[in-house]
PDB file of N, CA and C in Angstrom:
ATOM      1  N   MET A   1      76.579  14.212 -37.878  1.00  0.00           N
ATOM      2  CA  MET A   1      76.207  15.031 -38.849  1.00  0.00           C
ATOM      3  C   MET A   1      75.147  15.961 -38.250  1.00  0.00           C
ATOM      4  N   SER A   2      74.300  15.398 -37.933  1.00  0.00           N
ATOM      5  CA  SER A   2      73.202  16.267 -37.136  1.00  0.00           C
ATOM      6  C   SER A   2      72.981  17.414 -36.480  1.00  0.00           C
ATOM      7  N   LYS A   3      74.704  17.154 -35.695  1.00  0.00           N
ATOM      8  CA  LYS A   3      75.093  18.203 -34.769  1.00  0.00           C
ATOM      9  C   LYS A   3      75.468  19.304 -35.592  1.00  0.00           C
ATOM     10  N   ARG A   4      76.279  18.898 -36.559  1.00  0.00           N
ATOM     11  CA  ARG A   4      76.997  20.360 -37.339  1.00  0.00           C
ATOM     12  C   ARG A   4      75.608  20.754 -38.076  1.00  0.00           C
ATOM     13  N   ARG A   5      74.647  20.250 -38.595  1.00  0.00           N
ATOM     14  CA  ARG A   5      74.005  20.882 -39.643  1.00  0.00           C
ATOM     15  C   ARG A   5      72.873  21.690 -38.303  1.00  0.00           C
ATOM     16  N   ARG A   6      72.698  21.022 -37.236  1.00  0.00           N
ATOM     17  CA  ARG A   6      71.848  21.984 -36.249  1.00  0.00           C
ATOM     18  C   ARG A   6      72.518  23.347 -35.855  1.00  0.00           C
ATOM     19  N   ASN A   7      74.144  23.364 -35.725  1.00  0.00           N
ATOM     20  CA  ASN A   7      74.931  24.332 -35.673  1.00  0.00           C
ATOM     21  C   ASN A   7      74.741  25.318 -36.480  1.00  0.00           C
ATOM     22  N   THR A   8      74.700  24.797 -38.170  1.00  0.00           N
ATOM     23  CA  THR A   8      74.569  25.801 -39.142  1.00  0.00           C
ATOM     24  C   THR A   8      73.329  26.453 -39.174  1.00  0.00           C
ATOM     25  N   ARG A   9      72.233  25.694 -38.912  1.00  0.00           N
ATOM     26  CA  ARG A   9      70.794  26.266 -38.967  1.00  0.00           C
ATOM     27  C   ARG A   9      70.798  27.313 -37.646  1.00  0.00           C
ATOM     28  N   THR A  10      71.309  26.982 -36.617  1.00  0.00           N
ATOM     29  CA  THR A  10      71.564  28.049 -35.391  1.00  0.00           C
ATOM     30  C   THR A  10      71.950  29.176 -35.841  1.00  0.00           C
ATOM     31  N   GLN A  11      73.347  29.124 -36.553  1.00  0.00           N
ATOM     32  CA  GLN A  11      73.897  30.219 -36.837  1.00  0.00           C
ATOM     33  C   GLN A  11      73.336  31.021 -37.876  1.00  0.00           C
ATOM     34  N   HIS A  12      72.667  30.583 -39.061  1.00  0.00           N
ATOM     35  CA  HIS A  12      71.870  31.286 -39.787  1.00  0.00           C
ATOM     36  C   HIS A  12      70.569  31.936 -38.996  1.00  0.00           C
ATOM     37  N   THR A  13      70.152  31.367 -38.337  1.00  0.00           N
ATOM     38  CA  THR A  13      68.997  32.233 -37.608  1.00  0.00           C
ATOM     39  C   THR A  13      69.790  33.107 -36.886  1.00  0.00           C
ATOM     40  N   ALA A  14      70.834  33.259 -36.282  1.00  0.00           N
ATOM     41  CA  ALA A  14      71.629  34.176 -35.300  1.00  0.00           C
ATOM     42  C   ALA A  14      71.805  35.395 -36.532  1.00  0.00           C
ATOM     43  N   VAL A  15      72.247  34.957 -37.386  1.00  0.00           N
ATOM     44  CA  VAL A  15      72.716  35.790 -38.221  1.00  0.00           C
ATOM     45  C   VAL A  15      71.392  36.651 -38.756  1.00  0.00           C
ATOM     46  N   ALA A  16      70.348  35.923 -39.239  1.00  0.00           N
ATOM     47  CA  ALA A  16      69.058  36.864 -39.831  1.00  0.00           C
ATOM     48  C   ALA A  16      68.650  37.588 -38.577  1.00  0.00           C
ATOM     49  N   ILE A  17      68.600  37.079 -37.281  1.00  0.00           N
ATOM     50  CA  ILE A  17      68.243  38.008 -36.103  1.00  0.00           C
ATOM     51  C   ILE A  17      69.103  38.979 -36.115  1.00  0.00           C
ATOM     52  N   GLY A  18      70.253  38.772 -36.126  1.00  0.00           N
ATOM     53  CA  GLY A  18      71.547  39.935 -35.904  1.00  0.00           C
ATOM     54  C   GLY A  18      71.224  41.105 -36.875  1.00  0.00           C
ATOM     55  N   ARG A  19      70.742  40.513 -38.239  1.00  0.00           N
ATOM     56  CA  ARG A  19      70.547  41.688 -39.434  1.00  0.00           C
ATOM     57  C   ARG A  19      69.368  42.266 -39.145  1.00  0.00           C
ATOM     58  N   SER A  20      68.112  41.915 -38.644  1.00  0.00           N
ATOM     59  CA  SER A  20      66.753  42.341 -38.306  1.00  0.00           C
ATOM     60  C   SER A  20      67.175  43.180 -37.279  1.00  0.00           C
ATOM     61  N   LEU A  21      67.830  43.114 -36.129  1.00  0.00           N
ATOM     62  CA  LEU A  21      68.018  43.948 -35.224  1.00  0.00           C
ATOM     63  C   LEU A  21      68.911  45.263 -35.479  1.00  0.00           C
ATOM     64  N   GLY A  22      69.618  44.906 -36.344  1.00  0.00           N
ATOM     65  CA  GLY A  22      70.560  46.161 -36.939  1.00  0.00           C
ATOM     66  C   GLY A  22      69.551  47.169 -37.558  1.00  0.00           C
ATOM     67  N   ARG A  23      68.678  46.491 -38.385  1.00  0.00           N
ATOM     68  CA  ARG A  23      67.753  47.325 -39.605  1.00  0.00           C
ATOM     69  C   ARG A  23      66.878  48.234 -37.987  1.00  0.00           C
ATOM     70  N   VAL A  24      66.328  47.413 -36.927  1.00  0.00           N
ATOM     71  CA  VAL A  24      65.389  48.190 -36.282  1.00  0.00           C
ATOM     72  C   VAL A  24      66.388  49.288 -35.571  1.00  0.00           C
ATOM     73  N   ALA A  25      67.476  48.702 -35.301  1.00  0.00           N
ATOM     74  CA  ALA A  25      68.280  49.891 -34.387  1.00  0.00           C
ATOM     75  C   ALA A  25      68.434  51.227 -35.351  1.00  0.00           C
ATOM     76  N   ALA A  26      68.723  51.079 -36.847  1.00  0.00           N
ATOM     77  CA  ALA A  26      69.145  52.018 -37.710  1.00  0.00           C
ATOM     78  C   ALA A  26      67.593  52.909 -37.603  1.00  0.00           C
ATOM     79  N   GLN A  27      66.315  52.156 -37.695  1.00  0.00           N
ATOM     80  CA  GLN A  27      65.203  52.767 -37.827  1.00  0.00           C
ATOM     81  C   GLN A  27      64.943  53.628 -36.412  1.00  0.00           C
ATOM     82  N   VAL A  28      65.087  52.949 -35.409  1.00  0.00           N
ATOM     83  CA  VAL A  28      65.268  53.815 -34.278  1.00  0.00           C
ATOM     84  C   VAL A  28      65.871  55.100 -33.984  1.00  0.00           C
ATOM     85  N   ASP A  29      67.339  55.316 -34.556  1.00  0.00           N
ATOM     86  CA  ASP A  29      68.270  56.214 -34.470  1.00  0.00           C
ATOM     87  C   ASP A  29      67.698  57.053 -35.408  1.00  0.00           C
ATOM     88  N   ALA A  30      66.903  57.017 -36.729  1.00  0.00           N
ATOM     89  CA  ALA A  30      66.478  57.683 -37.496  1.00  0.00           C
ATOM     90  C   ALA A  30      65.332  58.410 -36.783  1.00  0.00           C
ATOM     91  N   LEU A  31      64.434  57.828 -36.197  1.00  0.00           N
ATOM     92  CA  LEU A  31      63.257  58.341 -35.410  1.00  0.00           C
ATOM     93  C   LEU A  31      63.715  59.312 -34.267  1.00  0.00           C
ATOM     94  N   ASN A  32      64.784  58.751 -33.682  1.00  0.00           N
ATOM     95  CA  ASN A  32      65.191  59.649 -32.741  1.00  0.00           C
ATOM     96  C   ASN A  32      65.494  60.978 -33.227  1.00  0.00           C
ATOM     97  N   ALA A  33      66.480  60.905 -34.079  1.00  0.00           N
ATOM     98  CA  ALA A  33      67.233  62.199 -34.984  1.00  0.00           C
ATOM     99  C   ALA A  33      65.800  63.180 -35.202  1.00  0.00           C
ATOM    100  N   GLN A  34      64.842  62.378 -35.890  1.00  0.00           N
ATOM    101  CA  GLN A  34      63.591  63.074 -36.446  1.00  0.00           C
ATOM    102  C   GLN A  34      63.007  63.691 -35.377  1.00  0.00           C
ATOM    103  N   ARG A  35      63.048  62.969 -34.239  1.00  0.00           N
ATOM    104  CA  ARG A  35      62.031  63.687 -33.092  1.00  0.00           C
ATOM    105  C   ARG A  35      63.109  64.915 -32.557  1.00  0.00           C
ATOM    106  N   ALA A  36      64.477  64.934 -32.472  1.00  0.00           N
ATOM    107  CA  ALA A  36      65.108  65.775 -31.882  1.00  0.00           C
ATOM    108  C   ALA A  36      64.924  67.090 -32.672  1.00  0.00           C
ATOM    109  N   ALA A  37      64.795  66.899 -34.353  1.00  0.00           N
ATOM    110  CA  ALA A  37      64.729  67.940 -35.121  1.00  0.00           C
ATOM    111  C   ALA A  37      63.252  68.640 -34.779  1.00  0.00           C
ATOM    112  N   VAL A  38      62.274  67.701 -34.759  1.00  0.00           N
ATOM    113  CA  VAL A  38      60.997  68.426 -34.434  1.00  0.00           C
ATOM    114  C   VAL A  38      60.927  69.293 -32.970  1.00  0.00           C
ATOM    115  N   ALA A  39      61.709  68.813 -32.070  1.00  0.00           N
ATOM    116  CA  ALA A  39      61.667  69.241 -30.952  1.00  0.00           C
ATOM    117  C   ALA A  39      62.288  70.666 -31.117  1.00  0.00           C
ATOM    118  N   ALA A  40      63.216  70.664 -31.875  1.00  0.00           N
ATOM    119  CA  ALA A  40      64.054  71.883 -31.963  1.00  0.00           C
ATOM    120  C   ALA A  40      63.074  72.791 -32.847  1.00  0.00           C
ATOM    121  N   GLU A  41      62.467  72.554 -33.827  1.00  0.00           N
ATOM    122  CA  GLU A  41      61.541  73.310 -34.526  1.00  0.00           C
ATOM    123  C   GLU A  41      60.490  73.847 -33.454  1.00  0.00           C
ATOM    124  N   ILE A  42      59.798  72.983 -32.387  1.00  0.00           N
ATOM    125  CA  ILE A  42      58.798  73.424 -31.609  1.00  0.00           C
ATOM    126  C   ILE A  42      59.354  74.592 -30.977  1.00  0.00           C
ATOM    127  N   GLU A  43      60.823  74.303 -30.341  1.00  0.00           N
ATOM    128  CA  GLU A  43      61.444  75.289 -29.485  1.00  0.00           C
ATOM    129  C   GLU A  43      61.678  76.984 -30.201  1.00  0.00           C
ATOM    130  N   ALA A  44      62.071  76.607 -31.457  1.00  0.00           N
ATOM    131  CA  ALA A  44      62.336  77.898 -32.415  1.00  0.00           C
ATOM    132  C   ALA A  44      61.201  78.456 -32.426  1.00  0.00           C
ATOM    133  N   VAL A  45      60.006  77.851 -32.605  1.00  0.00           N
ATOM    134  CA  VAL A  45      58.408  78.619 -32.673  1.00  0.00           C
ATOM    135  C   VAL A  45      58.207  79.179 -31.412  1.00  0.00           C
ATOM    136  N   ILE A  46      58.306  78.366 -30.259  1.00  0.00           N
ATOM    137  CA  ILE A  46      57.930  79.130 -29.128  1.00  0.00           C
ATOM    138  C   ILE A  46      58.769  80.374 -28.843  1.00  0.00           C
ATOM    139  N   ARG A  47      60.315  80.167 -28.965  1.00  0.00           N
ATOM    140  CA  ARG A  47      61.118  81.420 -28.837  1.00  0.00           C
ATOM    141  C   ARG A  47      60.475  82.674 -29.840  1.00  0.00           C
ATOM    142  N   GLU A  48      60.171  82.272 -30.667  1.00  0.00           N
ATOM    143  CA  GLU A  48      59.581  83.408 -31.915  1.00  0.00           C
ATOM    144  C   GLU A  48      58.505  84.079 -31.222  1.00  0.00           C
ATOM    145  N   ALA A  49      57.484  82.903 -30.658  1.00  0.00           N
ATOM    146  CA  ALA A  49      56.138  83.603 -29.963  1.00  0.00           C
ATOM    147  C   ALA A  49      56.631  84.500 -28.987  1.00  0.00           C
ATOM    148  N   LYS A  50      57.477  84.163 -27.995  1.00  0.00           N
ATOM    149  CA  LYS A  50      57.754  84.981 -26.899  1.00  0.00           C
ATOM    150  C   LYS A  50      58.408  86.259 -27.333  1.00  0.00           C
ATOM    151  N   ARG A  51      59.142  86.166 -28.549  1.00  0.00           N
ATOM    152  CA  ARG A  51      59.618  87.484 -28.782  1.00  0.00           C
ATOM    153  C   ARG A  51      58.670  88.361 -29.513  1.00  0.00           C
ATOM    154  N   MET A  52      57.865  87.696 -30.136  1.00  0.00           N
ATOM    155  CA  MET A  52      56.560  88.799 -30.780  1.00  0.00           C
ATOM    156  C   MET A  52      55.937  89.328 -29.659  1.00  0.00           C
ATOM    157  N   LEU A  53      55.538  88.618 -28.533  1.00  0.00           N
ATOM    158  CA  LEU A  53      54.714  89.071 -27.551  1.00  0.00           C
ATOM    159  C   LEU A  53      55.318  89.919 -26.640  1.00  0.00           C
ATOM    160  N   ALA A  54      56.567  89.765 -26.447  1.00  0.00           N
ATOM    161  CA  ALA A  54      57.761  90.812 -26.003  1.00  0.00           C
ATOM    162  C   ALA A  54      57.722  92.318 -26.738  1.00  0.00           C
ATOM    163  N   ASP A  55      57.393  92.001 -28.143  1.00  0.00           N
ATOM    164  CA  ASP A  55      57.619  93.334 -28.880  1.00  0.00           C
ATOM    165  C   ASP A  55      56.223  94.280 -28.825  1.00  0.00           C
ATOM    166  N   ILE A  56      55.324  93.361 -28.503  1.00  0.00           N
ATOM    167  CA  ILE A  56      54.045  94.274 -28.144  1.00  0.00           C
ATOM    168  C   ILE A  56      53.604  94.449 -26.851  1.00  0.00           C
ATOM    169  N   GLY A  57      54.458  94.345 -25.777  1.00  0.00           N
ATOM    170  CA  GLY A  57      54.667  94.712 -24.662  1.00  0.00           C
ATOM    171  C   GLY A  57      53.831  93.654 -23.732  1.00  0.00           C
ATOM    172  N   VAL A  58      53.909  92.531 -24.041  1.00  0.00           N
ATOM    173  CA  VAL A  58      53.050  91.622 -23.027  1.00  0.00           C
ATOM    174  C   VAL A  58      54.394  90.764 -22.256  1.00  0.00           C
ATOM    175  N   ASP A  59      54.082  90.936 -20.951  1.00  0.00           N
ATOM    176  CA  ASP A  59      55.021  90.054 -20.459  1.00  0.00           C
ATOM    177  C   ASP A  59      54.722  88.649 -20.267  1.00  0.00           C
ATOM    178  N   VAL A  60      55.422  87.431 -20.865  1.00  0.00           N
ATOM    179  CA  VAL A  60      54.783  86.386 -20.977  1.00  0.00           C
ATOM    180  C   VAL A  60      54.946  85.615 -19.861  1.00  0.00           C
ATOM    181  N   LYS A  61      55.714  85.876 -18.788  1.00  0.00           N
ATOM    182  CA  LYS A  61      55.896  85.091 -17.446  1.00  0.00           C
ATOM    183  C   LYS A  61      54.544  85.408 -16.681  1.00  0.00           C
ATOM    184  N   LYS A  62      54.467  86.565 -16.715  1.00  0.00           N
ATOM    185  CA  LYS A  62      53.299  87.278 -15.891  1.00  0.00           C
ATOM    186  C   LYS A  62      52.022  87.449 -16.651  1.00  0.00           C
ATOM    187  N   GLY A  63      51.840  86.980 -17.858  1.00  0.00           N
ATOM    188  CA  GLY A  63      50.681  87.034 -18.520  1.00  0.00           C
ATOM    189  C   GLY A  63      49.935  85.939 -18.487  1.00  0.00           C
ATOM    190  N   GLY A  64      50.497  84.616 -18.307  1.00  0.00           N
ATOM    191  CA  GLY A  64      49.847  83.696 -18.169  1.00  0.00           C
ATOM    192  C   GLY A  64      48.970  83.563 -16.686  1.00  0.00           C
ATOM    193  N   LYS A  65      49.886  84.037 -15.801  1.00  0.00           N
ATOM    194  CA  LYS A  65      49.280  83.883 -14.385  1.00  0.00           C
ATOM    195  C   LYS A  65      48.117  84.714 -14.288  1.00  0.00           C
ATOM    196  N   ARG A  66      48.173  85.993 -15.087  1.00  0.00           N
ATOM    197  CA  ARG A  66      47.145  86.893 -15.103  1.00  0.00           C
ATOM    198  C   ARG A  66      45.725  86.153 -15.555  1.00  0.00           C
ATOM    199  N   ILE A  67      46.095  85.538 -16.671  1.00  0.00           N
ATOM    200  CA  ILE A  67      44.836  85.091 -17.562  1.00  0.00           C
ATOM    201  C   ILE A  67      44.249  84.077 -16.628  1.00  0.00           C
ATOM    202  N   ARG A  68      45.096  83.316 -16.053  1.00  0.00           N
ATOM    203  CA  ARG A  68      44.495  81.915 -15.144  1.00  0.00           C
ATOM    204  C   ARG A  68      43.538  82.698 -13.934  1.00  0.00           C
ATOM    205  N   ARG A  69      44.405  83.520 -13.397  1.00  0.00           N
ATOM    206  CA  ARG A  69      43.586  84.557 -12.140  1.00  0.00           C
ATOM    207  C   ARG A  69      42.317  85.174 -12.661  1.00  0.00           C
ATOM    208  N   ALA A  70      42.343  85.685 -13.652  1.00  0.00           N
ATOM    209  CA  ALA A  70      41.144  86.380 -13.959  1.00  0.00           C
ATOM    210  C   ALA A  70      39.965  85.410 -14.718  1.00  0.00           C
ATOM    211  N   ALA A  71      40.376  84.154 -15.300  1.00  0.00           N
ATOM    212  CA  ALA A  71      39.144  83.037 -15.472  1.00  0.00           C
ATOM    213  C   ALA A  71      38.870  82.434 -13.677  1.00  0.00           C
ATOM    214  N   LYS A  72      39.850  82.378 -13.041  1.00  0.00           N
ATOM    215  CA  LYS A  72      39.435  81.651 -11.956  1.00  0.00           C
ATOM    216  C   LYS A  72      38.404  82.791 -11.225  1.00  0.00           C
ATOM    217  N   GLN A  73      38.639  84.236 -11.236  1.00  0.00           N
ATOM    218  CA  GLN A  73      37.799  85.177 -10.455  1.00  0.00           C
ATOM    219  C   GLN A  73      36.317  85.607 -11.291  1.00  0.00           C
ATOM    220  N   ALA A  74      36.528  85.010 -12.419  1.00  0.00           N
ATOM    221  CA  ALA A  74      35.080  85.476 -13.264  1.00  0.00           C
ATOM    222  C   ALA A  74      34.157  83.857 -12.824  1.00  0.00           C
ATOM    223  N   GLY A  75      34.829  83.029 -12.656  1.00  0.00           N
ATOM    224  CA  GLY A  75      33.741  81.840 -12.286  1.00  0.00           C
ATOM    225  C   GLY A  75      33.984  81.475 -10.862  1.00  0.00           C
ATOM    226  N   SER A  76      34.391  82.023 -10.008  1.00  0.00           N
ATOM    227  CA  SER A  76      34.458  81.974  -8.717  1.00  0.00           C
ATOM    228  C   SER A  76      33.227  82.170  -7.692  1.00  0.00           C
ATOM    229  N   GLY A  77      32.213  82.989  -8.468  1.00  0.00           N
ATOM    230  CA  GLY A  77      31.191  83.364  -7.614  1.00  0.00           C
ATOM    231  C   GLY A  77      30.296  82.084  -7.169  1.00  0.00           C
ATOM    232  N   LYS A  78      29.874  82.111  -5.757  1.00  0.00           N
ATOM    233  CA  LYS A  78      28.933  81.019  -5.504  1.00  0.00           C
ATOM    234  C   LYS A  78      27.548  81.187  -5.993  1.00  0.00           C
ATOM    235  N   ARG A  79      26.730  80.320  -6.507  1.00  0.00           N
ATOM    236  CA  ARG A  79      25.495  80.377  -7.137  1.00  0.00           C
ATOM    237  C   ARG A  79      24.428  80.122  -5.947  1.00  0.00           C
ATOM    238  N   ARG A  80      23.694  81.166  -5.573  1.00  0.00           N
ATOM    239  CA  ARG A  80      22.828  80.822  -4.805  1.00  0.00           C
ATOM    240  C   ARG A  80      21.123  80.777  -5.263  1.00  0.00           C
ATOM    241  N   LEU A  81      20.513  80.044  -4.547  1.00  0.00           N
ATOM    242  CA  LEU A  81      19.311  79.534  -5.311  1.00  0.00           C
ATOM    243  C   LEU A  81      18.134  80.349  -4.773  1.00  0.00           C
ATOM    244  N   SER A  82      17.290  80.899  -5.462  1.00  0.00           N
ATOM    245  CA  SER A  82      16.127  82.034  -5.110  1.00  0.00           C
ATOM    246  C   SER A  82      15.421  81.057  -4.156  1.00  0.00           C
ATOM    247  N   PRO A  83      14.199  81.553  -3.270  1.00  0.00           N
ATOM    248  CA  PRO A  83      13.356  80.637  -2.314  1.00  0.00           C
ATOM    249  C   PRO A  83      12.299  79.967  -3.311  1.00  0.00           C
ATOM    250  N   GLU A  84      11.986  80.818  -4.313  1.00  0.00           N
ATOM    251  CA  GLU A  84      11.180  80.276  -5.134  1.00  0.00           C
ATOM    252  C   GLU A  84      11.581  78.813  -6.188  1.00  0.00           C
ATOM    253  N   GLY A  85      13.027  79.134  -6.380  1.00  0.00           N
ATOM    254  CA  GLY A  85      13.349  77.912  -7.061  1.00  0.00           C
ATOM    255  C   GLY A  85      13.682  76.701  -6.389  1.00  0.00           C
ATOM    256  N   ARG A  86      14.119  77.116  -5.250  1.00  0.00           N
ATOM    257  CA  ARG A  86      14.036  75.983  -4.013  1.00  0.00           C
ATOM    258  C   ARG A  86      12.809  75.345  -3.823  1.00  0.00           C
ATOM    259  N   ALA A  87      11.630  76.004  -3.771  1.00  0.00           N
ATOM    260  CA  ALA A  87      10.292  75.504  -3.703  1.00  0.00           C
ATOM    261  C   ALA A  87       9.850  74.691  -4.733  1.00  0.00           C
ATOM    262  N   ARG A  88      10.335  75.003  -6.043  1.00  0.00           N
ATOM    263  CA  ARG A  88       9.865  74.211  -7.432  1.00  0.00           C
ATOM    264  C   ARG A  88      10.597  72.899  -7.257  1.00  0.00           C
ATOM    265  N   ILE A  89      12.051  72.780  -6.696  1.00  0.00           N
ATOM    266  CA  ILE A  89      12.752  71.722  -6.629  1.00  0.00           C
ATOM    267  C   ILE A  89      12.091  70.594  -5.819  1.00  0.00           C
ATOM    268  N   ILE A  90      11.796  71.330  -4.660  1.00  0.00           N
ATOM    269  CA  ILE A  90      11.037  70.437  -3.440  1.00  0.00           C
ATOM    270  C   ILE A  90       9.883  69.895  -3.986  1.00  0.00           C
ATOM    271  N   ALA A  91       8.836  70.639  -4.635  1.00  0.00           N
ATOM    272  CA  ALA A  91       7.723  70.193  -4.959  1.00  0.00           C
ATOM    273  C   ALA A  91       8.201  69.131  -6.052  1.00  0.00           C
ATOM    274  N   ALA A  92       8.884  69.242  -7.231  1.00  0.00           N
ATOM    275  CA  ALA A  92       9.202  68.360  -7.983  1.00  0.00           C
ATOM    276  C   ALA A  92       9.972  66.786  -7.590  1.00  0.00           C
ATOM    277  N   ALA A  93      10.561  67.152  -6.476  1.00  0.00           N
ATOM    278  CA  ALA A  93      10.949  65.805  -5.871  1.00  0.00           C
ATOM    279  C   ALA A  93       9.894  65.081  -5.022  1.00  0.00           C
ATOM    280  N   ARG A  94       9.107  66.014  -4.371  1.00  0.00           N
ATOM    281  CA  ARG A  94       8.009  65.336  -3.650  1.00  0.00           C
ATOM    282  C   ARG A  94       6.935  64.514  -4.707  1.00  0.00           C
ATOM    283  N   LYS A  95       6.860  65.204  -6.073  1.00  0.00           N
ATOM    284  CA  LYS A  95       5.952  64.683  -6.751  1.00  0.00           C
ATOM    285  C   LYS A  95       6.679  63.413  -7.322  1.00  0.00           C
ATOM    286  N   ARG A  96       8.012  63.264  -7.406  1.00  0.00           N
ATOM    287  CA  ARG A  96       8.562  62.104  -8.106  1.00  0.00           C
ATOM    288  C   ARG A  96       8.427  60.808  -7.076  1.00  0.00           C
ATOM    289  N   TRP A  97       8.622  61.249  -5.886  1.00  0.00           N
ATOM    290  CA  TRP A  97       8.560  60.383  -4.601  1.00  0.00           C
ATOM    291  C   TRP A  97       7.206  59.875  -4.623  1.00  0.00           C
ATOM    292  N   ALA A  98       6.018  60.571  -4.833  1.00  0.00           N
ATOM    293  CA  ALA A  98       4.679  60.282  -4.799  1.00  0.00           C
ATOM    294  C   ALA A  98       4.247  59.336  -5.762  1.00  0.00           C
ATOM    295  N   GLU A  99       4.807  59.521  -7.153  1.00  0.00           N
ATOM    296  CA  GLU A  99       4.726  58.590  -7.878  1.00  0.00           C
ATOM    297  C   GLU A  99       5.388  57.327  -7.895  1.00  0.00           C
ATOM    298  N   HIS A 100       6.822  57.469  -7.205  1.00  0.00           N
ATOM    299  CA  HIS A 100       7.304  56.113  -7.153  1.00  0.00           C
ATOM    300  C   HIS A 100       6.759  55.199  -6.081  1.00  0.00           C
ATOM    301  N   ARG A 101       6.024  55.966  -4.955  1.00  0.00           N
ATOM    302  CA  ARG A 101       5.588  55.285  -4.004  1.00  0.00           C
ATOM    303  C   ARG A 101       4.168  54.277  -4.426  1.00  0.00           C
ATOM    304  N   ALA A 102       3.478  55.395  -5.208  1.00  0.00           N
ATOM    305  CA  ALA A 102       2.439  54.992  -5.998  1.00  0.00           C
ATOM    306  C   ALA A 102       2.447  53.787  -6.846  1.00  0.00           C
ATOM    307  N   ARG A 103       3.408  53.652  -7.643  1.00  0.00           N
ATOM    308  CA  ARG A 103       4.116  52.474  -8.357  1.00  0.00           C
ATOM    309  C   ARG A 103       4.260  51.255  -7.842  1.00  0.00           C
ATOM    310  N   LYS A 104       5.221  51.420  -6.345  1.00  0.00           N
ATOM    311  CA  LYS A 104       5.533  50.500  -5.539  1.00  0.00           C
ATOM    312  C   LYS A 104       4.581  49.796  -5.100  1.00  0.00           C
ATOM    313  N   GLY A 105       3.332  50.680  -4.592  1.00  0.00           N
ATOM    314  CA  GLY A 105       2.045  50.026  -3.838  1.00  0.00           C
ATOM    315  C   GLY A 105       1.038  49.201  -4.273  1.00  0.00           C
ATOM    316  N   GLN A 106       1.351  49.452  -5.991  1.00  0.00           N
ATOM    317  CA  GLN A 106       0.621  48.675  -6.745  1.00  0.00           C
ATOM    318  C   GLN A 106       0.721  47.306  -6.982  1.00  0.00           C
TER     319      GLN A 106
END
């Protein structure tokens, strides 16, 4: 009898797991459908934004590149240090090293 009892327990456990997996699969399907709906809404908003930009005369494909290029050009200049600024930095570094050596020597 113990074999038969074990089989029924196993069967009950298998049925319970099957039900749980069925519920999880249903939830996954619902979430996938929801995700697809959100993606469709986002695409619709993007299409509408592109249409609005086209109505005011902005070329969407070229506009992004122009913006990036302009931002690059604005910040691409090399910064140069004046001789006075360089001298102040050198003097401060020498002072720090002198303090370090003085502390180390004590």
